[in-house]
Amino acid sequence: MTNEVHTDLRQKIEQQGGLSNDTRVLMLFEANKKSVVVAYLLWFFVGLFGGHNFYLKRIGVAVTQLILTVTMVGMVITIVWILVDAFMIPGLVANQNNLLAKQLGA
């Protein structure tokens, strides 16, 4: 009887494309989640230009930082801004990953 249950379950999974819905959601999440390490690397190398904010899908903030950096006068503001961002990155990454999980229905 146990063999029949496993066979039925296997057939059901194969009909759905070989993966359960939970497995698909988990794979999509893992493929699309944001990384704190990548965010910090972008912050370190292209932070003045808002690179880490583009990565974290904060386009408005990133464009503002980019414009302020290009105008040289605004660079002072941007330097302070990216120092504050250094402490905010872990929370911003967590928010993006939580939003992704919610969108995927996890």
PDB file of N, CA and C in Angstrom:
ATOM      1  N   MET A   1       0.825  -1.196   0.000  1.00  0.00           N
ATOM      2  CA  MET A   1       0.000   0.000   0.000  1.00  0.00           C
ATOM      3  C   MET A   1       0.869   1.260   0.000  1.00  0.00           C
ATOM      4  N   THR A   2       1.938   1.261   0.739  1.00  0.00           N
ATOM      5  CA  THR A   2       2.823   2.413   0.783  1.00  0.00           C
ATOM      6  C   THR A   2       3.426   2.666  -0.583  1.00  0.00           C
ATOM      7  N   ASN A   3       3.711   1.606  -1.309  1.00  0.00           N
ATOM      8  CA  ASN A   3       4.259   1.728  -2.644  1.00  0.00           C
ATOM      9  C   ASN A   3       3.272   2.429  -3.580  1.00  0.00           C
ATOM     10  N   GLU A   4       1.997   2.130  -3.419  1.00  0.00           N
ATOM     11  CA  GLU A   4       0.960   2.757  -4.248  1.00  0.00           C
ATOM     12  C   GLU A   4       0.865   4.254  -3.958  1.00  0.00           C
ATOM     13  N   VAL A   5       0.976   4.622  -2.703  1.00  0.00           N
ATOM     14  CA  VAL A   5       0.904   6.032  -2.313  1.00  0.00           C
ATOM     15  C   VAL A   5       2.065   6.794  -2.934  1.00  0.00           C
ATOM     16  N   HIS A   6       3.265   6.222  -2.873  1.00  0.00           N
ATOM     17  CA  HIS A   6       4.432   6.872  -3.457  1.00  0.00           C
ATOM     18  C   HIS A   6       4.287   6.989  -4.969  1.00  0.00           C
ATOM     19  N   THR A   7       3.732   5.965  -5.603  1.00  0.00           N
ATOM     20  CA  THR A   7       3.523   5.992  -7.051  1.00  0.00           C
ATOM     21  C   THR A   7       2.519   7.065  -7.418  1.00  0.00           C
ATOM     22  N   ASP A   8       1.427   7.153  -6.669  1.00  0.00           N
ATOM     23  CA  ASP A   8       0.418   8.181  -6.930  1.00  0.00           C
ATOM     24  C   ASP A   8       0.988   9.582  -6.734  1.00  0.00           C
ATOM     25  N   LEU A   9       1.765   9.752  -5.689  1.00  0.00           N
ATOM     26  CA  LEU A   9       2.377  11.048  -5.414  1.00  0.00           C
ATOM     27  C   LEU A   9       3.363  11.420  -6.519  1.00  0.00           C
ATOM     28  N   ARG A  10       4.160  10.456  -6.944  1.00  0.00           N
ATOM     29  CA  ARG A  10       5.124  10.703  -8.012  1.00  0.00           C
ATOM     30  C   ARG A  10       4.405  11.095  -9.304  1.00  0.00           C
ATOM     31  N   GLN A  11       3.321  10.411  -9.633  1.00  0.00           N
ATOM     32  CA  GLN A  11       2.565  10.742 -10.844  1.00  0.00           C
ATOM     33  C   GLN A  11       1.961  12.139 -10.745  1.00  0.00           C
ATOM     34  N   LYS A  12       1.469  12.478  -9.581  1.00  0.00           N
ATOM     35  CA  LYS A  12       0.883  13.804  -9.375  1.00  0.00           C
ATOM     36  C   LYS A  12       1.928  14.903  -9.570  1.00  0.00           C
ATOM     37  N   ILE A  13       3.124  14.697  -9.017  1.00  0.00           N
ATOM     38  CA  ILE A  13       4.194  15.678  -9.152  1.00  0.00           C
ATOM     39  C   ILE A  13       4.634  15.786 -10.602  1.00  0.00           C
ATOM     40  N   GLU A  14       4.740  14.652 -11.300  1.00  0.00           N
ATOM     41  CA  GLU A  14       5.140  14.665 -12.709  1.00  0.00           C
ATOM     42  C   GLU A  14       4.114  15.393 -13.568  1.00  0.00           C
ATOM     43  N   GLN A  15       2.851  15.291 -13.226  1.00  0.00           N
ATOM     44  CA  GLN A  15       1.812  15.998 -13.974  1.00  0.00           C
ATOM     45  C   GLN A  15       1.937  17.506 -13.790  1.00  0.00           C
ATOM     46  N   GLN A  16       2.440  17.924 -12.664  1.00  0.00           N
ATOM     47  CA  GLN A  16       2.599  19.352 -12.393  1.00  0.00           C
ATOM     48  C   GLN A  16       3.910  19.888 -12.937  1.00  0.00           C
ATOM     49  N   GLY A  17       4.649  19.115 -13.644  1.00  0.00           N
ATOM     50  CA  GLY A  17       5.905  19.584 -14.206  1.00  0.00           C
ATOM     51  C   GLY A  17       7.118  19.109 -13.448  1.00  0.00           C
ATOM     52  N   GLY A  18       6.971  18.161 -12.562  1.00  0.00           N
ATOM     53  CA  GLY A  18       8.105  17.595 -11.862  1.00  0.00           C
ATOM     54  C   GLY A  18       8.429  18.252 -10.535  1.00  0.00           C
ATOM     55  N   LEU A  19       7.903  19.424 -10.265  1.00  0.00           N
ATOM     56  CA  LEU A  19       8.200  20.117  -9.015  1.00  0.00           C
ATOM     57  C   LEU A  19       6.912  20.549  -8.339  1.00  0.00           C
ATOM     58  N   SER A  20       6.908  20.469  -7.036  1.00  0.00           N
ATOM     59  CA  SER A  20       5.748  20.972  -6.314  1.00  0.00           C
ATOM     60  C   SER A  20       5.762  22.497  -6.346  1.00  0.00           C
ATOM     61  N   ASN A  21       4.642  23.103  -6.043  1.00  0.00           N
ATOM     62  CA  ASN A  21       4.538  24.567  -6.053  1.00  0.00           C
ATOM     63  C   ASN A  21       5.476  25.191  -5.024  1.00  0.00           C
ATOM     64  N   ASP A  22       5.570  24.574  -3.851  1.00  0.00           N
ATOM     65  CA  ASP A  22       6.465  25.100  -2.811  1.00  0.00           C
ATOM     66  C   ASP A  22       7.919  25.077  -3.271  1.00  0.00           C
ATOM     67  N   THR A  23       8.287  24.019  -3.977  1.00  0.00           N
ATOM     68  CA  THR A  23       9.657  23.912  -4.483  1.00  0.00           C
ATOM     69  C   THR A  23       9.928  24.990  -5.514  1.00  0.00           C
ATOM     70  N   ARG A  24       8.970  25.233  -6.388  1.00  0.00           N
ATOM     71  CA  ARG A  24       9.126  26.302  -7.384  1.00  0.00           C
ATOM     72  C   ARG A  24       9.292  27.658  -6.730  1.00  0.00           C
ATOM     73  N   VAL A  25       8.447  27.937  -5.754  1.00  0.00           N
ATOM     74  CA  VAL A  25       8.520  29.220  -5.054  1.00  0.00           C
ATOM     75  C   VAL A  25       9.876  29.369  -4.376  1.00  0.00           C
ATOM     76  N   LEU A  26      10.349  28.317  -3.735  1.00  0.00           N
ATOM     77  CA  LEU A  26      11.640  28.359  -3.062  1.00  0.00           C
ATOM     78  C   LEU A  26      12.774  28.574  -4.063  1.00  0.00           C
ATOM     79  N   MET A  27      12.713  27.902  -5.202  1.00  0.00           N
ATOM     80  CA  MET A  27      13.751  28.072  -6.224  1.00  0.00           C
ATOM     81  C   MET A  27      13.736  29.489  -6.794  1.00  0.00           C
ATOM     82  N   LEU A  28      12.549  30.035  -7.047  1.00  0.00           N
ATOM     83  CA  LEU A  28      12.443  31.405  -7.546  1.00  0.00           C
ATOM     84  C   LEU A  28      12.969  32.398  -6.518  1.00  0.00           C
ATOM     85  N   PHE A  29      12.647  32.170  -5.257  1.00  0.00           N
ATOM     86  CA  PHE A  29      13.130  33.059  -4.203  1.00  0.00           C
ATOM     87  C   PHE A  29      14.654  33.036  -4.133  1.00  0.00           C
ATOM     88  N   GLU A  30      15.235  31.832  -4.123  1.00  0.00           N
ATOM     89  CA  GLU A  30      16.689  31.708  -4.032  1.00  0.00           C
ATOM     90  C   GLU A  30      17.389  32.339  -5.235  1.00  0.00           C
ATOM     91  N   ALA A  31      16.763  32.247  -6.406  1.00  0.00           N
ATOM     92  CA  ALA A  31      17.375  32.805  -7.610  1.00  0.00           C
ATOM     93  C   ALA A  31      17.293  34.325  -7.652  1.00  0.00           C
ATOM     94  N   ASN A  32      16.292  34.909  -6.991  1.00  0.00           N
ATOM     95  CA  ASN A  32      16.050  36.350  -7.110  1.00  0.00           C
ATOM     96  C   ASN A  32      16.299  37.148  -5.840  1.00  0.00           C
ATOM     97  N   LYS A  33      16.673  36.496  -4.749  1.00  0.00           N
ATOM     98  CA  LYS A  33      16.859  37.239  -3.501  1.00  0.00           C
ATOM     99  C   LYS A  33      18.101  38.129  -3.588  1.00  0.00           C
ATOM    100  N   LYS A  34      18.082  39.176  -2.802  1.00  0.00           N
ATOM    101  CA  LYS A  34      19.190  40.130  -2.749  1.00  0.00           C
ATOM    102  C   LYS A  34      20.181  39.691  -1.675  1.00  0.00           C
ATOM    103  N   SER A  35      21.437  40.053  -1.881  1.00  0.00           N
ATOM    104  CA  SER A  35      22.506  39.662  -0.972  1.00  0.00           C
ATOM    105  C   SER A  35      23.087  40.892  -0.272  1.00  0.00           C
ATOM    106  N   VAL A  36      23.312  40.771   1.022  1.00  0.00           N
ATOM    107  CA  VAL A  36      23.922  41.857   1.786  1.00  0.00           C
ATOM    108  C   VAL A  36      25.354  42.094   1.306  1.00  0.00           C
ATOM    109  N   VAL A  37      26.066  41.027   0.977  1.00  0.00           N
ATOM    110  CA  VAL A  37      27.458  41.151   0.526  1.00  0.00           C
ATOM    111  C   VAL A  37      27.522  41.933  -0.781  1.00  0.00           C
ATOM    112  N   VAL A  38      26.658  41.604  -1.730  1.00  0.00           N
ATOM    113  CA  VAL A  38      26.639  42.316  -3.012  1.00  0.00           C
ATOM    114  C   VAL A  38      26.274  43.782  -2.786  1.00  0.00           C
ATOM    115  N   ALA A  39      25.298  44.034  -1.928  1.00  0.00           N
ATOM    116  CA  ALA A  39      24.887  45.408  -1.649  1.00  0.00           C
ATOM    117  C   ALA A  39      26.049  46.213  -1.051  1.00  0.00           C
ATOM    118  N   TYR A  40      26.803  45.610  -0.122  1.00  0.00           N
ATOM    119  CA  TYR A  40      27.942  46.319   0.465  1.00  0.00           C
ATOM    120  C   TYR A  40      29.065  46.529  -0.548  1.00  0.00           C
ATOM    121  N   LEU A  41      29.294  45.555  -1.423  1.00  0.00           N
ATOM    122  CA  LEU A  41      30.316  45.741  -2.457  1.00  0.00           C
ATOM    123  C   LEU A  41      29.939  46.893  -3.390  1.00  0.00           C
ATOM    124  N   LEU A  42      28.683  46.945  -3.789  1.00  0.00           N
ATOM    125  CA  LEU A  42      28.222  48.059  -4.625  1.00  0.00           C
ATOM    126  C   LEU A  42      28.311  49.375  -3.868  1.00  0.00           C
ATOM    127  N   TRP A  43      27.962  49.347  -2.587  1.00  0.00           N
ATOM    128  CA  TRP A  43      28.060  50.555  -1.759  1.00  0.00           C
ATOM    129  C   TRP A  43      29.507  51.049  -1.703  1.00  0.00           C
ATOM    130  N   PHE A  44      30.437  50.125  -1.540  1.00  0.00           N
ATOM    131  CA  PHE A  44      31.844  50.502  -1.415  1.00  0.00           C
ATOM    132  C   PHE A  44      32.419  51.053  -2.718  1.00  0.00           C
ATOM    133  N   PHE A  45      32.116  50.389  -3.844  1.00  0.00           N
ATOM    134  CA  PHE A  45      32.746  50.772  -5.111  1.00  0.00           C
ATOM    135  C   PHE A  45      31.983  51.852  -5.886  1.00  0.00           C
ATOM    136  N   VAL A  46      30.658  51.805  -5.878  1.00  0.00           N
ATOM    137  CA  VAL A  46      29.880  52.788  -6.648  1.00  0.00           C
ATOM    138  C   VAL A  46      28.783  53.429  -5.803  1.00  0.00           C
ATOM    139  N   GLY A  47      29.030  53.503  -4.502  1.00  0.00           N
ATOM    140  CA  GLY A  47      28.051  54.079  -3.592  1.00  0.00           C
ATOM    141  C   GLY A  47      27.759  55.547  -3.860  1.00  0.00           C
ATOM    142  N   LEU A  48      28.781  56.306  -4.236  1.00  0.00           N
ATOM    143  CA  LEU A  48      28.568  57.727  -4.531  1.00  0.00           C
ATOM    144  C   LEU A  48      27.585  57.931  -5.678  1.00  0.00           C
ATOM    145  N   PHE A  49      27.528  56.959  -6.565  1.00  0.00           N
ATOM    146  CA  PHE A  49      26.633  57.068  -7.718  1.00  0.00           C
ATOM    147  C   PHE A  49      25.309  56.333  -7.489  1.00  0.00           C
ATOM    148  N   GLY A  50      25.094  55.821  -6.286  1.00  0.00           N
ATOM    149  CA  GLY A  50      23.837  55.166  -5.951  1.00  0.00           C
ATOM    150  C   GLY A  50      23.739  53.733  -6.433  1.00  0.00           C
ATOM    151  N   GLY A  51      24.852  53.091  -6.727  1.00  0.00           N
ATOM    152  CA  GLY A  51      24.840  51.727  -7.260  1.00  0.00           C
ATOM    153  C   GLY A  51      24.118  50.738  -6.365  1.00  0.00           C
ATOM    154  N   HIS A  52      24.327  50.829  -5.071  1.00  0.00           N
ATOM    155  CA  HIS A  52      23.666  49.913  -4.143  1.00  0.00           C
ATOM    156  C   HIS A  52      22.158  50.144  -4.113  1.00  0.00           C
ATOM    157  N   ASN A  53      21.731  51.368  -4.323  1.00  0.00           N
ATOM    158  CA  ASN A  53      20.290  51.648  -4.338  1.00  0.00           C
ATOM    159  C   ASN A  53      19.627  51.162  -5.624  1.00  0.00           C
ATOM    160  N   PHE A  54      20.341  51.229  -6.744  1.00  0.00           N
ATOM    161  CA  PHE A  54      19.805  50.626  -7.967  1.00  0.00           C
ATOM    162  C   PHE A  54      19.605  49.129  -7.758  1.00  0.00           C
ATOM    163  N   TYR A  55      20.586  48.477  -7.126  1.00  0.00           N
ATOM    164  CA  TYR A  55      20.512  47.040  -6.857  1.00  0.00           C
ATOM    165  C   TYR A  55      19.320  46.704  -5.957  1.00  0.00           C
ATOM    166  N   LEU A  56      19.048  47.564  -4.991  1.00  0.00           N
ATOM    167  CA  LEU A  56      17.962  47.330  -4.038  1.00  0.00           C
ATOM    168  C   LEU A  56      16.624  47.889  -4.522  1.00  0.00           C
ATOM    169  N   LYS A  57      16.556  48.239  -5.782  1.00  0.00           N
ATOM    170  CA  LYS A  57      15.337  48.725  -6.442  1.00  0.00           C
ATOM    171  C   LYS A  57      14.800  49.997  -5.799  1.00  0.00           C
ATOM    172  N   ARG A  58      15.697  50.852  -5.343  1.00  0.00           N
ATOM    173  CA  ARG A  58      15.337  52.171  -4.827  1.00  0.00           C
ATOM    174  C   ARG A  58      15.780  53.176  -5.885  1.00  0.00           C
ATOM    175  N   ILE A  59      15.095  53.140  -7.014  1.00  0.00           N
ATOM    176  CA  ILE A  59      15.509  53.889  -8.199  1.00  0.00           C
ATOM    177  C   ILE A  59      15.496  55.399  -7.951  1.00  0.00           C
ATOM    178  N   GLY A  60      14.462  55.894  -7.311  1.00  0.00           N
ATOM    179  CA  GLY A  60      14.368  57.331  -7.044  1.00  0.00           C
ATOM    180  C   GLY A  60      15.525  57.834  -6.192  1.00  0.00           C
ATOM    181  N   VAL A  61      15.853  57.096  -5.156  1.00  0.00           N
ATOM    182  CA  VAL A  61      16.973  57.463  -4.284  1.00  0.00           C
ATOM    183  C   VAL A  61      18.279  57.382  -5.071  1.00  0.00           C
ATOM    184  N   ALA A  62      18.431  56.344  -5.877  1.00  0.00           N
ATOM    185  CA  ALA A  62      19.663  56.155  -6.649  1.00  0.00           C
ATOM    186  C   ALA A  62      19.869  57.286  -7.653  1.00  0.00           C
ATOM    187  N   VAL A  63      18.807  57.665  -8.348  1.00  0.00           N
ATOM    188  CA  VAL A  63      18.913  58.754  -9.329  1.00  0.00           C
ATOM    189  C   VAL A  63      19.245  60.067  -8.621  1.00  0.00           C
ATOM    190  N   THR A  64      18.640  60.297  -7.474  1.00  0.00           N
ATOM    191  CA  THR A  64      18.933  61.510  -6.705  1.00  0.00           C
ATOM    192  C   THR A  64      20.401  61.542  -6.284  1.00  0.00           C
ATOM    193  N   GLN A  65      20.921  60.413  -5.787  1.00  0.00           N
ATOM    194  CA  GLN A  65      22.333  60.367  -5.412  1.00  0.00           C
ATOM    195  C   GLN A  65      23.234  60.589  -6.622  1.00  0.00           C
ATOM    196  N   LEU A  66      22.863  60.016  -7.738  1.00  0.00           N
ATOM    197  CA  LEU A  66      23.649  60.185  -8.959  1.00  0.00           C
ATOM    198  C   LEU A  66      23.703  61.647  -9.385  1.00  0.00           C
ATOM    199  N   ILE A  67      22.559  62.307  -9.371  1.00  0.00           N
ATOM    200  CA  ILE A  67      22.506  63.721  -9.763  1.00  0.00           C
ATOM    201  C   ILE A  67      23.292  64.588  -8.781  1.00  0.00           C
ATOM    202  N   LEU A  68      23.145  64.326  -7.484  1.00  0.00           N
ATOM    203  CA  LEU A  68      23.882  65.101  -6.483  1.00  0.00           C
ATOM    204  C   LEU A  68      25.385  64.909  -6.619  1.00  0.00           C
ATOM    205  N   THR A  69      25.816  63.697  -6.920  1.00  0.00           N
ATOM    206  CA  THR A  69      27.251  63.434  -7.078  1.00  0.00           C
ATOM    207  C   THR A  69      27.808  64.156  -8.285  1.00  0.00           C
ATOM    208  N   VAL A  70      27.061  64.173  -9.373  1.00  0.00           N
ATOM    209  CA  VAL A  70      27.523  64.822 -10.595  1.00  0.00           C
ATOM    210  C   VAL A  70      27.631  66.330 -10.410  1.00  0.00           C
ATOM    211  N   THR A  71      26.799  66.930  -9.578  1.00  0.00           N
ATOM    212  CA  THR A  71      26.800  68.383  -9.397  1.00  0.00           C
ATOM    213  C   THR A  71      27.874  68.879  -8.428  1.00  0.00           C
ATOM    214  N   MET A  72      28.747  68.025  -7.962  1.00  0.00           N
ATOM    215  CA  MET A  72      29.879  68.352  -7.095  1.00  0.00           C
ATOM    216  C   MET A  72      29.469  69.051  -5.789  1.00  0.00           C
ATOM    217  N   VAL A  73      28.607  70.052  -5.842  1.00  0.00           N
ATOM    218  CA  VAL A  73      28.151  70.705  -4.614  1.00  0.00           C
ATOM    219  C   VAL A  73      27.356  69.698  -3.783  1.00  0.00           C
ATOM    220  N   GLY A  74      26.553  68.907  -4.464  1.00  0.00           N
ATOM    221  CA  GLY A  74      25.750  67.903  -3.786  1.00  0.00           C
ATOM    222  C   GLY A  74      26.546  66.701  -3.320  1.00  0.00           C
ATOM    223  N   MET A  75      27.807  66.603  -3.734  1.00  0.00           N
ATOM    224  CA  MET A  75      28.611  65.452  -3.342  1.00  0.00           C
ATOM    225  C   MET A  75      28.795  65.397  -1.829  1.00  0.00           C
ATOM    226  N   VAL A  76      28.867  66.533  -1.177  1.00  0.00           N
ATOM    227  CA  VAL A  76      28.996  66.569   0.284  1.00  0.00           C
ATOM    228  C   VAL A  76      27.779  65.906   0.923  1.00  0.00           C
ATOM    229  N   ILE A  77      26.613  66.232   0.396  1.00  0.00           N
ATOM    230  CA  ILE A  77      25.374  65.626   0.889  1.00  0.00           C
ATOM    231  C   ILE A  77      25.394  64.124   0.636  1.00  0.00           C
ATOM    232  N   THR A  78      25.833  63.739  -0.541  1.00  0.00           N
ATOM    233  CA  THR A  78      25.855  62.329  -0.912  1.00  0.00           C
ATOM    234  C   THR A  78      26.822  61.540  -0.034  1.00  0.00           C
ATOM    235  N   ILE A  79      27.945  62.120   0.321  1.00  0.00           N
ATOM    236  CA  ILE A  79      28.912  61.417   1.177  1.00  0.00           C
ATOM    237  C   ILE A  79      28.281  61.093   2.524  1.00  0.00           C
ATOM    238  N   VAL A  80      27.599  62.057   3.116  1.00  0.00           N
ATOM    239  CA  VAL A  80      26.905  61.812   4.382  1.00  0.00           C
ATOM    240  C   VAL A  80      25.816  60.764   4.178  1.00  0.00           C
ATOM    241  N   TRP A  81      25.098  60.871   3.062  1.00  0.00           N
ATOM    242  CA  TRP A  81      23.998  59.967   2.755  1.00  0.00           C
ATOM    243  C   TRP A  81      24.481  58.527   2.647  1.00  0.00           C
ATOM    244  N   ILE A  82      25.602  58.289   1.969  1.00  0.00           N
ATOM    245  CA  ILE A  82      26.057  56.904   1.815  1.00  0.00           C
ATOM    246  C   ILE A  82      26.608  56.351   3.128  1.00  0.00           C
ATOM    247  N   LEU A  83      27.121  57.218   4.001  1.00  0.00           N
ATOM    248  CA  LEU A  83      27.539  56.736   5.315  1.00  0.00           C
ATOM    249  C   LEU A  83      26.337  56.250   6.126  1.00  0.00           C
ATOM    250  N   VAL A  84      25.239  56.954   6.021  1.00  0.00           N
ATOM    251  CA  VAL A  84      24.006  56.517   6.685  1.00  0.00           C
ATOM    252  C   VAL A  84      23.508  55.219   6.046  1.00  0.00           C
ATOM    253  N   ASP A  85      23.581  55.142   4.710  1.00  0.00           N
ATOM    254  CA  ASP A  85      23.157  53.933   4.000  1.00  0.00           C
ATOM    255  C   ASP A  85      23.934  52.707   4.449  1.00  0.00           C
ATOM    256  N   ALA A  86      25.191  52.883   4.845  1.00  0.00           N
ATOM    257  CA  ALA A  86      26.008  51.747   5.282  1.00  0.00           C
ATOM    258  C   ALA A  86      25.354  51.003   6.442  1.00  0.00           C
ATOM    259  N   PHE A  87      24.689  51.741   7.313  1.00  0.00           N
ATOM    260  CA  PHE A  87      24.022  51.118   8.451  1.00  0.00           C
ATOM    261  C   PHE A  87      22.633  50.598   8.093  1.00  0.00           C
ATOM    262  N   MET A  88      22.073  51.100   7.015  1.00  0.00           N
ATOM    263  CA  MET A  88      20.720  50.713   6.619  1.00  0.00           C
ATOM    264  C   MET A  88      20.669  49.506   5.671  1.00  0.00           C
ATOM    265  N   ILE A  89      21.781  49.163   5.057  1.00  0.00           N
ATOM    266  CA  ILE A  89      21.793  48.115   4.025  1.00  0.00           C
ATOM    267  C   ILE A  89      21.218  46.784   4.505  1.00  0.00           C
ATOM    268  N   PRO A  90      21.587  46.255   5.666  1.00  0.00           N
ATOM    269  CA  PRO A  90      21.002  44.961   6.061  1.00  0.00           C
ATOM    270  C   PRO A  90      19.471  44.992   6.146  1.00  0.00           C
ATOM    271  N   GLY A  91      18.931  46.063   6.670  1.00  0.00           N
ATOM    272  CA  GLY A  91      17.472  46.193   6.758  1.00  0.00           C
ATOM    273  C   GLY A  91      16.823  46.351   5.395  1.00  0.00           C
ATOM    274  N   LEU A  92      17.467  47.095   4.495  1.00  0.00           N
ATOM    275  CA  LEU A  92      16.930  47.280   3.148  1.00  0.00           C
ATOM    276  C   LEU A  92      16.927  45.969   2.370  1.00  0.00           C
ATOM    277  N   VAL A  93      17.981  45.178   2.536  1.00  0.00           N
ATOM    278  CA  VAL A  93      18.047  43.867   1.877  1.00  0.00           C
ATOM    279  C   VAL A  93      16.955  42.952   2.431  1.00  0.00           C
ATOM    280  N   ALA A  94      16.783  42.957   3.742  1.00  0.00           N
ATOM    281  CA  ALA A  94      15.736  42.134   4.356  1.00  0.00           C
ATOM    282  C   ALA A  94      14.352  42.550   3.852  1.00  0.00           C
ATOM    283  N   ASN A  95      14.125  43.854   3.738  1.00  0.00           N
ATOM    284  CA  ASN A  95      12.836  44.332   3.217  1.00  0.00           C
ATOM    285  C   ASN A  95      12.599  43.865   1.791  1.00  0.00           C
ATOM    286  N   GLN A  96      13.628  43.945   0.943  1.00  0.00           N
ATOM    287  CA  GLN A  96      13.489  43.496  -0.439  1.00  0.00           C
ATOM    288  C   GLN A  96      13.207  42.002  -0.500  1.00  0.00           C
ATOM    289  N   ASN A  97      13.896  41.219   0.319  1.00  0.00           N
ATOM    290  CA  ASN A  97      13.678  39.775   0.319  1.00  0.00           C
ATOM    291  C   ASN A  97      12.293  39.418   0.863  1.00  0.00           C
ATOM    292  N   ASN A  98      11.827  40.148   1.858  1.00  0.00           N
ATOM    293  CA  ASN A  98      10.473  39.921   2.375  1.00  0.00           C
ATOM    294  C   ASN A  98       9.421  40.276   1.329  1.00  0.00           C
ATOM    295  N   LEU A  99       9.647  41.355   0.604  1.00  0.00           N
ATOM    296  CA  LEU A  99       8.733  41.749  -0.465  1.00  0.00           C
ATOM    297  C   LEU A  99       8.696  40.686  -1.561  1.00  0.00           C
ATOM    298  N   LEU A 100       9.857  40.157  -1.920  1.00  0.00           N
ATOM    299  CA  LEU A 100       9.934  39.098  -2.914  1.00  0.00           C
ATOM    300  C   LEU A 100       9.177  37.860  -2.448  1.00  0.00           C
ATOM    301  N   ALA A 101       9.363  37.471  -1.205  1.00  0.00           N
ATOM    302  CA  ALA A 101       8.660  36.308  -0.663  1.00  0.00           C
ATOM    303  C   ALA A 101       7.156  36.522  -0.701  1.00  0.00           C
ATOM    304  N   LYS A 102       6.723  37.729  -0.378  1.00  0.00           N
ATOM    305  CA  LYS A 102       5.292  38.041  -0.398  1.00  0.00           C
ATOM    306  C   LYS A 102       4.747  37.975  -1.821  1.00  0.00           C
ATOM    307  N   GLN A 103       5.505  38.491  -2.789  1.00  0.00           N
ATOM    308  CA  GLN A 103       5.079  38.450  -4.192  1.00  0.00           C
ATOM    309  C   GLN A 103       4.986  37.022  -4.717  1.00  0.00           C
ATOM    310  N   LEU A 104       5.877  36.171  -4.249  1.00  0.00           N
ATOM    311  CA  LEU A 104       5.870  34.785  -4.699  1.00  0.00           C
ATOM    312  C   LEU A 104       4.826  33.941  -3.972  1.00  0.00           C
ATOM    313  N   GLY A 105       4.258  34.507  -2.933  1.00  0.00           N
ATOM    314  CA  GLY A 105       3.201  33.801  -2.203  1.00  0.00           C
ATOM    315  C   GLY A 105       3.724  32.879  -1.143  1.00  0.00           C
ATOM    316  N   ALA A 106       4.950  33.106  -0.711  1.00  0.00           N
ATOM    317  CA  ALA A 106       5.536  32.238   0.324  1.00  0.00           C
ATOM    318  C   ALA A 106       5.081  32.665   1.701  1.00  0.00           C
TER     319      ALA A 106
END
